[in-house]
Amino acid sequence: MNSINLFILKHIRVFEMVGVLMRIFSFSLVSWLGPGSPFMFVWVFNTMDAIILSWCSILKKDRAYTTLNVFWIMVGVVGILRAGNILR
């Protein structure tokens, strides 16, 4: 695990930019397509970016962004469960 963290820290700006661009893309998709959006894809994609950004903020020891992005992971899990009709 330590080697993964070292790799991420070495390239943290790239990982953060990818996470931010993923979030922009997923919210833009919902904005453009509205009710016709592929909601399961959007929730999975958005949860993946939250995981990336949480990992980066944890490694940087940034409590505010860790809290924000861990919150988005929880929201994403609920969104995935709702989009999959597991949770109503």
Protein backbone atom coordinates (compact mmCIF):
# COMPACT_ATOMS: atom_id res chain seq x y z
CA MET A 1 0.00 0.00 0.00
CA ASN A 2 2.85 2.35 0.78
CA SER A 3 4.19 2.15 -2.79
CA ILE A 4 0.74 3.05 -4.15
CA ASN A 5 0.56 6.05 -1.84
CA LEU A 6 4.06 7.13 -2.87
CA PHE A 7 3.08 6.85 -6.53
CA ILE A 8 -0.06 8.91 -5.95
CA LEU A 9 1.88 11.54 -3.98
CA LYS A 10 4.45 11.75 -6.76
CA HIS A 11 1.67 12.40 -9.31
CA ILE A 12 -0.93 13.98 -7.00
CA ARG A 13 -1.67 16.99 -9.21
CA VAL A 14 -2.51 14.67 -12.10
CA PHE A 15 -4.78 12.52 -9.92
CA GLU A 16 -6.53 15.59 -8.53
CA MET A 17 -7.06 17.05 -12.00
CA VAL A 18 -8.44 13.76 -13.30
CA GLY A 19 -10.83 13.60 -10.32
CA VAL A 20 -11.99 17.17 -10.82
CA LEU A 21 -12.50 16.66 -14.58
CA MET A 22 -14.46 13.47 -13.87
CA ARG A 23 -16.75 15.39 -11.50
CA ILE A 24 -17.25 18.22 -14.00
CA PHE A 25 -18.06 15.68 -16.73
CA SER A 26 -20.60 13.75 -14.63
CA PHE A 27 -22.47 16.86 -13.47
CA SER A 28 -22.38 18.32 -16.98
CA LEU A 29 -23.88 15.12 -18.35
CA VAL A 30 -26.80 15.35 -15.92
CA SER A 31 -27.25 19.05 -16.69
CA TRP A 32 -27.32 18.47 -20.46
CA LEU A 33 -29.39 15.30 -20.56
CA GLY A 34 -31.69 15.90 -17.57
CA PRO A 35 -34.05 12.99 -16.92
CA GLY A 36 -32.56 11.13 -19.90
CA SER A 37 -29.19 10.87 -18.13
CA PRO A 38 -27.64 7.45 -17.59
CA PHE A 39 -27.96 7.82 -13.83
CA MET A 40 -26.21 4.59 -12.83
CA PHE A 41 -23.19 5.56 -14.94
CA VAL A 42 -23.20 9.08 -13.50
CA TRP A 43 -23.38 7.83 -9.90
CA VAL A 44 -20.64 5.23 -10.37
CA PHE A 45 -18.43 7.73 -12.21
CA ASN A 46 -19.05 10.42 -9.58
CA THR A 47 -18.30 7.99 -6.75
CA MET A 48 -15.05 6.97 -8.44
CA ASP A 49 -13.94 10.61 -8.62
CA ALA A 50 -14.85 11.06 -4.97
CA ILE A 51 -12.67 8.08 -4.08
CA ILE A 52 -9.74 9.53 -6.06
CA LEU A 53 -10.14 12.97 -4.52
CA SER A 54 -10.62 11.54 -1.01
CA TRP A 55 -7.45 9.50 -1.31
CA CYS A 56 -5.50 12.56 -2.46
CA SER A 57 -6.87 14.75 0.32
CA ILE A 58 -6.14 12.07 2.95
CA LEU A 59 -2.54 11.82 1.74
CA LYS A 60 -2.26 15.62 1.84
CA LYS A 61 -3.83 15.60 5.33
CA ASP A 62 -6.46 18.12 4.22
CA ARG A 63 -9.37 17.60 6.61
CA ALA A 64 -11.82 19.90 4.82
CA TYR A 65 -11.48 18.22 1.42
CA THR A 66 -11.33 14.78 2.99
CA THR A 67 -14.65 15.47 4.72
CA LEU A 68 -16.20 16.86 1.54
CA ASN A 69 -15.11 13.99 -0.67
CA VAL A 70 -15.91 11.23 1.84
CA PHE A 71 -19.37 12.80 2.04
CA TRP A 72 -19.58 12.53 -1.78
CA ILE A 73 -18.66 8.85 -1.55
CA MET A 74 -21.59 8.30 0.83
CA VAL A 75 -23.92 10.29 -1.45
CA GLY A 76 -22.64 8.24 -4.38
CA VAL A 77 -23.35 4.94 -2.66
CA VAL A 78 -26.93 6.08 -1.96
CA GLY A 79 -27.26 7.26 -5.57
CA ILE A 80 -26.00 3.91 -6.89
CA LEU A 81 -28.44 2.03 -4.66
CA ARG A 82 -31.32 4.25 -5.80
CA ALA A 83 -30.37 4.08 -9.49
CA GLY A 84 -30.21 0.29 -9.16
CA ASN A 85 -33.67 0.21 -7.50
CA ILE A 86 -32.15 -1.41 -4.42
CA LEU A 87 -33.08 1.56 -2.23
CA ARG A 88 -36.27 3.49 -2.81
